[in-house]
Amino acid sequence: IHICEHKLNLRSIEFDKRYVVGETDLWIPSWALGVEVKNTWGEQEELALISTLSNTNFRLRARHLVVVVPDSLSDDTFTVIREMEKRKDFSNLSILRIGDLGKYLDQIKEIECGEGG
């Protein structure tokens, strides 16, 4: 989570640390972007993540959701997690490795600033 915070700070993006059960770890209000960090994965984690993403979408009206995993996570596990993104349960969901977060944030900034956000 500290690496995510660092990447946000480097871009001067204001964010809130959200330690509310059922909501994403980090919230960027100006972009309605929820950031959830996952370091482990299993069936229970998937159910909890779906709940967290659903709650964040509903409570905070998220325009964007991103799940960030360590670069060191195995390719097999990363592929399993990315299946959530492909299922289209959340049209606003991206699942990334931490190394790709900076590029993702730059893309969201373009989208949001292009829309006057």
N, C-alpha and C. Protein backbone atom coordinates (compact mmCIF):
# COMPACT_ATOMS: atom_id res chain seq x y z
N ILE A 1 0.83 -1.20 0.00
CA ILE A 1 0.00 0.00 0.00
C ILE A 1 0.87 1.26 0.00
N HIS A 2 2.06 1.16 0.61
CA HIS A 2 2.95 2.32 0.66
C HIS A 2 3.46 2.69 -0.73
N ILE A 3 3.68 1.69 -1.58
CA ILE A 3 4.12 1.97 -2.95
C ILE A 3 3.01 2.68 -3.71
N CYS A 4 1.77 2.26 -3.52
CA CYS A 4 0.63 2.93 -4.15
C CYS A 4 0.56 4.38 -3.69
N GLU A 5 0.70 4.60 -2.39
CA GLU A 5 0.67 5.96 -1.86
C GLU A 5 1.79 6.80 -2.46
N HIS A 6 2.97 6.20 -2.59
CA HIS A 6 4.11 6.91 -3.17
C HIS A 6 3.82 7.33 -4.61
N LYS A 7 3.26 6.42 -5.40
CA LYS A 7 2.97 6.73 -6.80
C LYS A 7 1.91 7.83 -6.90
N LEU A 8 0.95 7.85 -5.98
CA LEU A 8 -0.04 8.92 -5.96
C LEU A 8 0.61 10.25 -5.56
N ASN A 9 1.46 10.21 -4.55
CA ASN A 9 2.14 11.43 -4.10
C ASN A 9 3.04 12.01 -5.18
N LEU A 10 3.73 11.16 -5.93
CA LEU A 10 4.60 11.62 -7.01
C LEU A 10 3.82 12.43 -8.04
N ARG A 11 2.55 12.10 -8.20
CA ARG A 11 1.70 12.77 -9.19
C ARG A 11 0.84 13.86 -8.55
N SER A 12 1.09 14.15 -7.28
CA SER A 12 0.34 15.18 -6.54
C SER A 12 -1.17 14.91 -6.58
N ILE A 13 -1.52 13.64 -6.43
CA ILE A 13 -2.93 13.25 -6.43
C ILE A 13 -3.38 13.12 -4.98
N GLU A 14 -4.40 13.86 -4.62
CA GLU A 14 -4.91 13.79 -3.25
C GLU A 14 -5.75 12.53 -3.09
N PHE A 15 -5.53 11.84 -1.97
CA PHE A 15 -6.26 10.60 -1.71
C PHE A 15 -6.53 10.48 -0.23
N ASP A 16 -7.51 9.63 0.07
CA ASP A 16 -7.86 9.32 1.45
C ASP A 16 -7.49 7.87 1.71
N LYS A 17 -6.93 7.63 2.90
CA LYS A 17 -6.71 6.25 3.35
C LYS A 17 -8.02 5.82 3.98
N ARG A 18 -8.60 4.75 3.45
CA ARG A 18 -9.91 4.31 3.90
C ARG A 18 -9.76 3.00 4.64
N TYR A 19 -9.91 3.05 5.92
CA TYR A 19 -9.85 1.80 6.68
C TYR A 19 -11.24 1.44 7.17
N VAL A 20 -12.18 1.52 6.24
CA VAL A 20 -13.56 1.19 6.50
C VAL A 20 -13.79 -0.22 5.97
N VAL A 21 -14.36 -1.08 6.79
CA VAL A 21 -14.64 -2.44 6.35
C VAL A 21 -15.55 -2.39 5.13
N GLY A 22 -15.17 -3.10 4.09
CA GLY A 22 -16.00 -3.17 2.91
C GLY A 22 -15.78 -2.06 1.90
N GLU A 23 -14.76 -1.23 2.09
CA GLU A 23 -14.44 -0.20 1.09
C GLU A 23 -12.96 -0.30 0.74
N THR A 24 -12.61 0.22 -0.42
CA THR A 24 -11.23 0.12 -0.90
C THR A 24 -10.25 0.82 0.05
N ASP A 25 -8.99 0.36 -0.01
CA ASP A 25 -7.94 0.89 0.88
C ASP A 25 -7.69 2.38 0.67
N LEU A 26 -7.66 2.78 -0.58
CA LEU A 26 -7.39 4.18 -0.92
C LEU A 26 -8.53 4.70 -1.80
N TRP A 27 -8.84 5.98 -1.63
CA TRP A 27 -9.92 6.61 -2.39
C TRP A 27 -9.44 7.96 -2.89
N ILE A 28 -9.56 8.16 -4.21
CA ILE A 28 -9.19 9.44 -4.82
C ILE A 28 -10.51 10.14 -5.16
N PRO A 29 -10.95 11.06 -4.30
CA PRO A 29 -12.28 11.67 -4.47
C PRO A 29 -12.46 12.41 -5.79
N SER A 30 -11.43 13.12 -6.24
CA SER A 30 -11.59 13.94 -7.45
C SER A 30 -11.82 13.08 -8.70
N TRP A 31 -11.39 11.82 -8.66
CA TRP A 31 -11.58 10.93 -9.80
C TRP A 31 -12.59 9.83 -9.50
N ALA A 32 -13.11 9.79 -8.30
CA ALA A 32 -13.99 8.69 -7.85
C ALA A 32 -13.33 7.35 -8.14
N LEU A 33 -12.07 7.24 -7.72
CA LEU A 33 -11.24 6.06 -7.97
C LEU A 33 -10.94 5.34 -6.67
N GLY A 34 -11.32 4.08 -6.61
CA GLY A 34 -11.00 3.24 -5.46
C GLY A 34 -9.82 2.34 -5.78
N VAL A 35 -8.85 2.27 -4.87
CA VAL A 35 -7.66 1.44 -5.05
C VAL A 35 -7.65 0.40 -3.93
N GLU A 36 -7.65 -0.87 -4.31
CA GLU A 36 -7.58 -1.96 -3.35
C GLU A 36 -6.29 -2.73 -3.59
N VAL A 37 -5.55 -2.98 -2.52
CA VAL A 37 -4.28 -3.70 -2.61
C VAL A 37 -4.49 -5.13 -2.12
N LYS A 38 -4.06 -6.09 -2.92
CA LYS A 38 -4.16 -7.51 -2.55
C LYS A 38 -2.77 -8.12 -2.62
N ASN A 39 -2.32 -8.67 -1.50
CA ASN A 39 -1.01 -9.30 -1.46
C ASN A 39 -1.09 -10.82 -1.51
N THR A 40 -2.27 -11.37 -1.21
CA THR A 40 -2.48 -12.82 -1.24
C THR A 40 -3.76 -13.10 -2.01
N TRP A 41 -3.96 -14.37 -2.36
CA TRP A 41 -5.16 -14.70 -3.12
C TRP A 41 -5.64 -16.10 -2.78
N GLY A 42 -6.94 -16.24 -2.70
CA GLY A 42 -7.59 -17.51 -2.46
C GLY A 42 -9.08 -17.31 -2.61
N GLU A 43 -9.84 -18.36 -2.43
CA GLU A 43 -11.29 -18.28 -2.62
C GLU A 43 -11.91 -17.26 -1.66
N GLN A 44 -11.48 -17.27 -0.40
CA GLN A 44 -12.03 -16.31 0.57
C GLN A 44 -11.68 -14.87 0.19
N GLU A 45 -10.46 -14.68 -0.30
CA GLU A 45 -10.05 -13.32 -0.71
C GLU A 45 -10.90 -12.83 -1.88
N GLU A 46 -11.24 -13.75 -2.79
CA GLU A 46 -12.06 -13.34 -3.93
C GLU A 46 -13.44 -12.88 -3.47
N LEU A 47 -14.06 -13.63 -2.57
CA LEU A 47 -15.38 -13.24 -2.06
C LEU A 47 -15.33 -11.90 -1.34
N ALA A 48 -14.29 -11.71 -0.52
CA ALA A 48 -14.14 -10.44 0.20
C ALA A 48 -13.89 -9.29 -0.76
N LEU A 49 -13.09 -9.54 -1.80
CA LEU A 49 -12.81 -8.49 -2.77
C LEU A 49 -14.06 -8.09 -3.54
N ILE A 50 -14.85 -9.07 -3.95
CA ILE A 50 -16.09 -8.76 -4.66
C ILE A 50 -17.00 -7.90 -3.78
N SER A 51 -17.08 -8.24 -2.51
CA SER A 51 -17.88 -7.45 -1.57
C SER A 51 -17.34 -6.03 -1.44
N THR A 52 -16.03 -5.91 -1.28
CA THR A 52 -15.40 -4.59 -1.15
C THR A 52 -15.65 -3.72 -2.38
N LEU A 53 -15.47 -4.30 -3.55
CA LEU A 53 -15.67 -3.55 -4.79
C LEU A 53 -17.14 -3.16 -4.96
N SER A 54 -18.04 -4.07 -4.64
CA SER A 54 -19.48 -3.76 -4.74
C SER A 54 -19.87 -2.63 -3.79
N ASN A 55 -19.38 -2.72 -2.55
CA ASN A 55 -19.70 -1.68 -1.57
C ASN A 55 -19.14 -0.33 -1.97
N THR A 56 -17.90 -0.32 -2.47
CA THR A 56 -17.29 0.94 -2.89
C THR A 56 -18.07 1.54 -4.06
N ASN A 57 -18.44 0.71 -5.01
CA ASN A 57 -19.24 1.18 -6.14
C ASN A 57 -20.54 1.80 -5.66
N PHE A 58 -21.22 1.12 -4.73
CA PHE A 58 -22.52 1.57 -4.27
C PHE A 58 -22.42 2.80 -3.36
N ARG A 59 -21.58 2.72 -2.33
CA ARG A 59 -21.51 3.79 -1.33
C ARG A 59 -20.87 5.07 -1.87
N LEU A 60 -19.81 4.89 -2.65
CA LEU A 60 -19.03 6.06 -3.08
C LEU A 60 -19.25 6.43 -4.54
N ARG A 61 -20.05 5.64 -5.24
CA ARG A 61 -20.31 5.88 -6.67
C ARG A 61 -19.01 5.98 -7.47
N ALA A 62 -18.22 4.94 -7.36
CA ALA A 62 -16.91 4.91 -8.02
C ALA A 62 -17.06 4.95 -9.55
N ARG A 63 -16.24 5.77 -10.18
CA ARG A 63 -16.15 5.76 -11.64
C ARG A 63 -15.08 4.76 -12.09
N HIS A 64 -14.09 4.56 -11.22
CA HIS A 64 -12.97 3.68 -11.54
C HIS A 64 -12.63 2.85 -10.30
N LEU A 65 -12.32 1.58 -10.52
CA LEU A 65 -11.83 0.70 -9.45
C LEU A 65 -10.57 0.01 -9.96
N VAL A 66 -9.56 -0.07 -9.11
CA VAL A 66 -8.35 -0.79 -9.50
C VAL A 66 -7.90 -1.67 -8.34
N VAL A 67 -7.57 -2.91 -8.67
CA VAL A 67 -6.99 -3.83 -7.71
C VAL A 67 -5.52 -3.96 -8.08
N VAL A 68 -4.65 -3.71 -7.10
CA VAL A 68 -3.21 -3.72 -7.33
C VAL A 68 -2.61 -4.90 -6.59
N VAL A 69 -1.79 -5.67 -7.31
CA VAL A 69 -1.11 -6.83 -6.73
C VAL A 69 0.39 -6.65 -6.88
N PRO A 70 1.19 -7.33 -6.06
CA PRO A 70 2.64 -7.20 -6.16
C PRO A 70 3.17 -7.71 -7.51
N ASP A 71 4.26 -7.11 -7.96
CA ASP A 71 4.92 -7.59 -9.18
C ASP A 71 5.39 -9.02 -9.00
N SER A 72 5.67 -9.41 -7.76
CA SER A 72 6.21 -10.74 -7.48
C SER A 72 5.15 -11.84 -7.46
N LEU A 73 3.87 -11.49 -7.57
CA LEU A 73 2.81 -12.48 -7.59
C LEU A 73 2.99 -13.37 -8.82
N SER A 74 2.81 -14.66 -8.67
CA SER A 74 3.02 -15.59 -9.79
C SER A 74 2.08 -15.27 -10.95
N ASP A 75 2.54 -15.57 -12.15
CA ASP A 75 1.73 -15.34 -13.34
C ASP A 75 0.42 -16.12 -13.28
N ASP A 76 0.47 -17.34 -12.75
CA ASP A 76 -0.73 -18.16 -12.64
C ASP A 76 -1.77 -17.50 -11.73
N THR A 77 -1.32 -17.02 -10.59
CA THR A 77 -2.23 -16.36 -9.64
C THR A 77 -2.77 -15.06 -10.23
N PHE A 78 -1.91 -14.30 -10.90
CA PHE A 78 -2.34 -13.05 -11.53
C PHE A 78 -3.41 -13.32 -12.58
N THR A 79 -3.24 -14.38 -13.35
CA THR A 79 -4.23 -14.74 -14.37
C THR A 79 -5.56 -15.08 -13.72
N VAL A 80 -5.53 -15.79 -12.60
CA VAL A 80 -6.77 -16.13 -11.88
C VAL A 80 -7.47 -14.86 -11.40
N ILE A 81 -6.73 -13.94 -10.84
CA ILE A 81 -7.32 -12.69 -10.36
C ILE A 81 -7.91 -11.89 -11.52
N ARG A 82 -7.20 -11.85 -12.63
CA ARG A 82 -7.66 -11.07 -13.79
C ARG A 82 -8.96 -11.62 -14.37
N GLU A 83 -9.29 -12.87 -14.05
CA GLU A 83 -10.56 -13.42 -14.51
C GLU A 83 -11.73 -12.58 -14.01
N MET A 84 -11.59 -11.98 -12.84
CA MET A 84 -12.64 -11.11 -12.31
C MET A 84 -12.89 -9.94 -13.25
N GLU A 85 -11.82 -9.38 -13.76
CA GLU A 85 -11.92 -8.25 -14.68
C GLU A 85 -12.61 -8.67 -15.98
N LYS A 86 -12.28 -9.85 -16.45
CA LYS A 86 -12.84 -10.34 -17.71
C LYS A 86 -14.30 -10.72 -17.60
N ARG A 87 -14.76 -11.06 -16.39
CA ARG A 87 -16.17 -11.44 -16.21
C ARG A 87 -17.11 -10.26 -16.38
N LYS A 88 -16.59 -9.07 -16.32
CA LYS A 88 -17.38 -7.85 -16.52
C LYS A 88 -18.43 -7.63 -15.44
N ASP A 89 -18.20 -8.20 -14.22
CA ASP A 89 -19.10 -7.92 -13.11
C ASP A 89 -19.02 -6.44 -12.74
N PHE A 90 -17.84 -5.87 -12.97
CA PHE A 90 -17.61 -4.45 -12.69
C PHE A 90 -17.07 -3.83 -13.98
N SER A 91 -17.85 -3.00 -14.61
CA SER A 91 -17.43 -2.40 -15.89
C SER A 91 -16.29 -1.40 -15.70
N ASN A 92 -16.09 -0.95 -14.47
CA ASN A 92 -15.08 0.07 -14.19
C ASN A 92 -13.83 -0.51 -13.51
N LEU A 93 -13.63 -1.84 -13.58
CA LEU A 93 -12.56 -2.51 -12.85
C LEU A 93 -11.34 -2.78 -13.71
N SER A 94 -10.16 -2.48 -13.14
CA SER A 94 -8.88 -2.87 -13.72
C SER A 94 -8.09 -3.61 -12.65
N ILE A 95 -7.37 -4.64 -13.07
CA ILE A 95 -6.52 -5.39 -12.16
C ILE A 95 -5.11 -5.33 -12.70
N LEU A 96 -4.19 -4.81 -11.88
CA LEU A 96 -2.83 -4.52 -12.33
C LEU A 96 -1.79 -5.00 -11.35
N ARG A 97 -0.60 -5.15 -11.87
CA ARG A 97 0.58 -5.32 -11.01
C ARG A 97 1.03 -3.91 -10.60
N ILE A 98 1.67 -3.82 -9.46
CA ILE A 98 2.08 -2.52 -8.92
C ILE A 98 2.95 -1.74 -9.91
N GLY A 99 3.76 -2.45 -10.68
CA GLY A 99 4.64 -1.79 -11.65
C GLY A 99 3.88 -1.05 -12.75
N ASP A 100 2.61 -1.41 -12.96
CA ASP A 100 1.79 -0.77 -14.00
C ASP A 100 0.88 0.33 -13.45
N LEU A 101 0.92 0.55 -12.14
CA LEU A 101 0.00 1.52 -11.54
C LEU A 101 0.26 2.94 -12.02
N GLY A 102 1.51 3.33 -12.15
CA GLY A 102 1.82 4.69 -12.58
C GLY A 102 1.22 5.01 -13.94
N LYS A 103 1.38 4.10 -14.88
CA LYS A 103 0.82 4.29 -16.22
C LYS A 103 -0.70 4.36 -16.16
N TYR A 104 -1.30 3.51 -15.34
CA TYR A 104 -2.76 3.51 -15.17
C TYR A 104 -3.23 4.87 -14.62
N LEU A 105 -2.54 5.36 -13.59
CA LEU A 105 -2.92 6.65 -13.01
C LEU A 105 -2.82 7.77 -14.04
N ASP A 106 -1.79 7.73 -14.87
CA ASP A 106 -1.65 8.73 -15.92
C ASP A 106 -2.81 8.66 -16.91
N GLN A 107 -3.26 7.45 -17.24
CA GLN A 107 -4.39 7.28 -18.15
C GLN A 107 -5.68 7.81 -17.53
N ILE A 108 -5.90 7.51 -16.26
CA ILE A 108 -7.10 7.99 -15.57
C ILE A 108 -7.08 9.52 -15.49
N LYS A 109 -5.91 10.07 -15.24
CA LYS A 109 -5.80 11.54 -15.18
C LYS A 109 -6.21 12.15 -16.52
N GLU A 110 -5.77 11.56 -17.62
CA GLU A 110 -6.16 12.05 -18.95
C GLU A 110 -7.67 11.98 -19.14
N ILE A 111 -8.25 10.85 -18.75
CA ILE A 111 -9.70 10.68 -18.88
C ILE A 111 -10.44 11.72 -18.05
N GLU A 112 -10.05 11.84 -16.79
CA GLU A 112 -10.75 12.73 -15.87
C GLU A 112 -10.54 14.20 -16.22
N CYS A 113 -9.34 14.57 -16.57
CA CYS A 113 -9.07 15.97 -16.92
C CYS A 113 -9.69 16.31 -18.26
N GLY A 114 -9.77 15.34 -19.14
CA GLY A 114 -10.40 15.55 -20.45
C GLY A 114 -11.90 15.78 -20.32
N GLU A 115 -12.48 15.24 -19.22
CA GLU A 115 -13.91 15.42 -18.98
C GLU A 115 -14.16 16.60 -18.04
N GLY A 116 -13.13 17.37 -17.79
CA GLY A 116 -13.29 18.53 -16.93
C GLY A 116 -13.14 18.21 -15.46
N GLY A 117 -12.67 16.95 -15.13
CA GLY A 117 -12.56 16.56 -13.73
C GLY A 117 -11.28 16.91 -13.23
